Amino acid sequence: MIFNSHFLSFRTLIALSLFGLSCAAHAQTPTAQPLTPVEEPSTTILSDTLRYDDTKRESTFTGKVVMTRGLLTLSSDVLSMREDSEGHQYGVATADAGKRVFIRQVRPENFEVLEGVGLKANYDGKNETFDLIGQAVVTRYICGKHFDTVSGQQVRYNQKTDVYQAFSGPDSFNPDGRVRSVAQPKARTDAAIAACRAAQTNNPASALTPATPPVVSPSR
């Protein structure tokens, strides 16, 4: 199943996740300098162990891995990064049995939280694709309320073509193995953002940060 560009929540999540993974191997230490509009956010990776092979240009983080880059967070049990001779980045994030890789992007300007889960996440820098594989679900929240969801066996975003796809299969999140997409009308989404912005204006302390939704996949 191929989705058109109106499903902005999915495109934004995957694009930002892809950007964070591609820079992770080169920026593992946070900077103490305040950010300016032209600076990129630093990337921090926490793990129980790290194995780095300079000859092969490979880094493997294992054990409760948490990668943060700005307002992007990726959680997994193993995160492997490598770079080929042409400088292309590749990343694979996996989870232990019974768990899933988790990606979260906060977009405070639109009061949005975007979340994606899958048994595995693959990033291919040469082909500029990012995949959530196995029980894949991408969800959008506005002001802490659930709005849009797409789920299937695999969800892919191609940065070169700006095309994103969801695939059915036996390891789909949905019991029938098919792709399932639920999207709210744009007017309803715009109204929710406007209401949250008005609440922030009237009471900044209560509306500045969207409510944090639980890390639970939507019901089938």
Protein backbone atom coordinates (compact mmCIF):
# COMPACT_ATOMS: atom_id res chain seq x y z
CA MET A 1 0.00 0.00 0.00
CA ILE A 2 1.42 3.40 -1.02
CA PHE A 3 0.39 6.59 0.79
CA ASN A 4 0.25 10.08 -0.70
CA SER A 5 2.06 13.08 0.74
CA HIS A 6 -0.98 14.32 2.72
CA PHE A 7 -0.12 11.86 5.51
CA LEU A 8 2.42 14.30 6.94
CA SER A 9 2.75 12.64 10.34
CA PHE A 10 4.35 9.51 8.88
CA ARG A 11 6.60 11.38 6.49
CA THR A 12 7.84 13.68 9.26
CA LEU A 13 8.52 10.86 11.68
CA ILE A 14 10.49 8.76 9.22
CA ALA A 15 12.43 11.71 7.78
CA LEU A 16 13.49 12.87 11.23
CA SER A 17 14.31 9.36 12.38
CA LEU A 18 16.37 8.77 9.25
CA PHE A 19 18.25 12.04 9.80
CA GLY A 20 19.04 11.12 13.39
CA LEU A 21 20.32 7.65 12.55
CA SER A 22 22.53 8.87 9.73
CA CYS A 23 24.36 11.22 12.08
CA ALA A 24 24.54 8.94 15.13
CA ALA A 25 27.88 7.32 14.37
CA HIS A 26 29.65 10.67 14.10
CA ALA A 27 28.25 12.56 17.10
CA GLN A 28 28.13 10.50 20.29
CA THR A 29 29.10 13.19 22.79
CA PRO A 30 26.67 15.99 23.73
CA THR A 31 27.92 19.53 23.44
CA ALA A 32 27.77 22.03 26.28
CA GLN A 33 27.31 24.89 23.85
CA PRO A 34 23.80 26.37 23.51
CA LEU A 35 22.15 25.66 20.19
CA THR A 36 21.85 28.38 17.59
CA PRO A 37 19.53 28.29 14.56
CA VAL A 38 22.38 27.11 12.29
CA GLU A 39 23.69 24.39 14.60
CA GLU A 40 22.68 20.74 14.39
CA PRO A 41 21.61 19.09 17.66
CA SER A 42 24.12 16.73 19.21
CA THR A 43 23.51 12.99 19.28
CA THR A 44 23.87 10.98 22.49
CA ILE A 45 23.75 7.18 22.66
CA LEU A 46 23.42 5.38 25.99
CA SER A 47 24.04 1.62 26.18
CA ASP A 48 25.44 -1.10 28.42
CA THR A 49 28.27 -1.86 25.99
CA LEU A 50 29.89 -0.36 22.88
CA ARG A 51 32.08 -2.13 20.35
CA TYR A 52 33.80 0.04 17.73
CA ASP A 53 35.82 -1.36 14.83
CA ASP A 54 37.73 1.45 13.13
CA THR A 55 38.93 -0.80 10.28
CA LYS A 56 35.41 -1.86 9.34
CA ARG A 57 33.88 1.50 10.32
CA GLU A 58 31.34 -0.26 12.50
CA SER A 59 29.84 0.62 15.88
CA THR A 60 27.58 -1.73 17.86
CA PHE A 61 25.69 -0.53 20.93
CA THR A 62 24.02 -3.21 23.06
CA GLY A 63 21.83 -3.28 26.16
CA LYS A 64 19.04 -0.78 26.82
CA VAL A 65 20.16 1.44 23.94
CA VAL A 66 18.71 4.95 23.93
CA MET A 67 19.68 7.38 21.18
CA THR A 68 18.61 11.01 21.44
CA ARG A 69 19.09 13.73 18.86
CA GLY A 70 17.29 16.95 19.68
CA LEU A 71 13.68 15.96 20.27
CA LEU A 72 14.13 12.57 18.59
CA THR A 73 14.48 9.41 20.68
CA LEU A 74 15.20 5.83 19.53
CA SER A 75 15.12 2.90 21.96
CA SER A 76 16.28 -0.64 21.15
CA ASP A 77 18.31 -3.49 22.59
CA VAL A 78 20.96 -3.38 19.85
CA LEU A 79 21.93 -0.55 17.51
CA SER A 80 24.54 -1.29 14.82
CA MET A 81 25.98 1.48 12.65
CA ARG A 82 28.42 1.20 9.75
CA GLU A 83 29.82 3.38 6.97
CA ASP A 84 30.89 2.14 3.53
CA SER A 85 33.89 3.33 1.53
CA GLU A 86 31.75 5.97 -0.17
CA GLY A 87 30.64 7.45 3.15
CA HIS A 88 27.09 6.07 3.09
CA GLN A 89 25.59 5.32 6.51
CA TYR A 90 23.71 2.14 7.41
CA GLY A 91 21.94 1.36 10.67
CA VAL A 92 20.05 -1.58 12.15
CA ALA A 93 18.14 -1.36 15.44
CA THR A 94 16.68 -4.55 16.93
CA ALA A 95 14.73 -5.56 20.01
CA ASP A 96 14.79 -8.67 22.18
CA ALA A 97 12.02 -11.27 21.99
CA GLY A 98 8.68 -9.86 23.05
CA LYS A 99 9.80 -6.25 22.59
CA ARG A 100 9.90 -3.71 19.73
CA VAL A 101 12.17 -0.90 18.61
CA PHE A 102 10.64 2.45 19.57
CA ILE A 103 11.05 5.83 17.84
CA ARG A 104 9.58 9.05 19.22
CA GLN A 105 9.69 12.57 17.74
CA VAL A 106 8.28 15.61 19.56
CA ARG A 107 7.19 18.57 17.42
CA PRO A 108 6.28 21.30 19.93
CA GLU A 109 5.56 23.87 17.22
CA ASN A 110 2.49 21.81 16.24
CA PHE A 111 1.88 20.22 19.66
CA GLU A 112 2.57 16.83 18.09
CA VAL A 113 4.19 13.62 19.26
CA LEU A 114 5.01 11.06 16.56
CA GLU A 115 5.79 7.46 17.53
CA GLY A 116 6.84 4.38 15.56
CA VAL A 117 7.46 0.80 16.67
CA GLY A 118 8.65 -2.38 14.97
CA LEU A 119 10.63 -5.52 15.68
CA LYS A 120 13.50 -4.02 13.66
CA ALA A 121 14.42 -0.67 12.12
CA ASN A 122 16.72 -0.51 9.07
CA TYR A 123 18.37 2.58 7.59
CA ASP A 124 20.03 2.46 4.15
CA GLY A 125 21.95 5.67 3.49
CA LYS A 126 22.89 4.79 -0.08
CA ASN A 127 19.31 4.23 -1.19
CA GLU A 128 17.98 6.71 1.38
CA THR A 129 15.34 4.36 2.76
CA PHE A 130 14.18 3.71 6.30
CA ASP A 131 12.15 0.63 7.28
CA LEU A 132 10.21 -0.41 10.36
CA ILE A 133 9.88 -4.19 10.02
CA GLY A 134 7.66 -6.62 11.91
CA GLN A 135 4.49 -5.51 13.71
CA ALA A 136 5.18 -1.98 12.47
CA VAL A 137 2.99 0.86 13.74
CA VAL A 138 3.31 4.64 13.28
CA THR A 139 1.08 6.87 15.43
CA ARG A 140 0.48 10.61 15.65
CA TYR A 141 -0.68 12.43 18.78
CA ILE A 142 -1.82 16.06 19.06
CA CYS A 143 -1.93 17.56 22.55
CA GLY A 144 -1.61 14.03 23.90
CA LYS A 145 -4.63 12.75 21.97
CA HIS A 146 -4.37 9.94 19.43
CA PHE A 147 -5.06 11.12 15.86
CA ASP A 148 -3.52 9.08 13.00
CA THR A 149 -2.17 5.52 12.75
CA VAL A 150 -0.73 3.31 10.01
CA SER A 151 0.22 -0.30 10.70
CA GLY A 152 1.33 -3.43 8.85
CA GLN A 153 4.19 -5.90 8.60
CA GLN A 154 6.56 -3.24 7.24
CA VAL A 155 6.56 0.51 6.80
CA ARG A 156 9.12 2.16 4.49
CA TYR A 157 10.06 5.74 3.63
CA ASN A 158 12.19 6.64 0.59
CA GLN A 159 13.85 10.01 1.02
CA LYS A 160 14.91 10.26 -2.62
CA THR A 161 11.39 9.92 -4.01
CA ASP A 162 9.44 11.18 -0.96
CA VAL A 163 7.32 8.02 -1.22
CA TYR A 164 6.37 5.94 1.79
CA GLN A 165 4.79 2.53 1.80
CA ALA A 166 3.19 0.02 4.13
CA PHE A 167 3.18 -3.70 3.41
CA SER A 168 0.95 -6.53 4.56
CA GLY A 169 2.25 -9.94 5.65
CA PRO A 170 2.04 -12.64 8.29
CA ASP A 171 4.03 -10.54 10.77
CA SER A 172 1.70 -7.56 10.46
CA PHE A 173 0.49 -5.80 13.60
CA ASN A 174 -3.05 -6.48 12.38
CA PRO A 175 -4.56 -9.94 12.98
CA ASP A 176 -5.54 -10.42 9.32
CA GLY A 177 -2.03 -9.56 8.13
CA ARG A 178 -3.19 -6.54 6.16
CA VAL A 179 -2.22 -2.85 6.23
CA ARG A 180 -4.48 -0.59 8.27
CA SER A 181 -4.50 3.23 8.02
CA VAL A 182 -6.63 5.61 10.09
CA ALA A 183 -6.25 9.34 9.38
CA GLN A 184 -8.32 12.24 10.68
CA PRO A 185 -9.61 14.94 8.29
CA LYS A 186 -7.20 17.85 7.93
CA ALA A 187 -9.84 20.27 9.25
CA ARG A 188 -10.07 18.31 12.50
CA THR A 189 -6.30 18.21 12.83
CA ASP A 190 -5.99 21.95 12.21
CA ALA A 191 -8.72 22.64 14.76
CA ALA A 192 -6.95 20.56 17.42
CA ILE A 193 -3.67 22.40 16.85
CA ALA A 194 -5.44 25.76 16.97
CA ALA A 195 -7.20 24.82 20.23
CA CYS A 196 -3.91 23.74 21.80
CA ARG A 197 -2.22 26.93 20.66
CA ALA A 198 -5.04 28.99 22.19
CA ALA A 199 -4.69 27.06 25.45
CA GLN A 200 -0.98 27.80 25.46
CA THR A 201 -1.66 31.50 25.00
CA ASN A 202 -4.09 31.54 27.91
CA ASN A 203 -2.07 29.27 30.17
CA PRO A 204 1.50 28.68 28.90
CA ALA A 205 2.48 26.41 31.78
CA SER A 206 -0.24 23.88 31.00
CA ALA A 207 -0.05 23.79 27.19
CA LEU A 208 3.58 24.40 26.31
CA THR A 209 4.45 20.70 26.24
CA PRO A 210 2.05 18.11 24.83
CA ALA A 211 0.87 15.46 27.22
CA THR A 212 3.00 12.33 27.03
CA PRO A 213 1.02 9.40 25.68
CA PRO A 214 1.77 5.93 27.02
CA VAL A 215 4.24 3.83 25.05
CA VAL A 216 1.57 1.36 23.99
CA SER A 217 0.62 0.43 20.46
CA PRO A 218 -2.93 1.32 19.37
CA SER A 219 -5.55 -1.38 19.82
CA ARG A 220 -6.22 -3.66 16.89
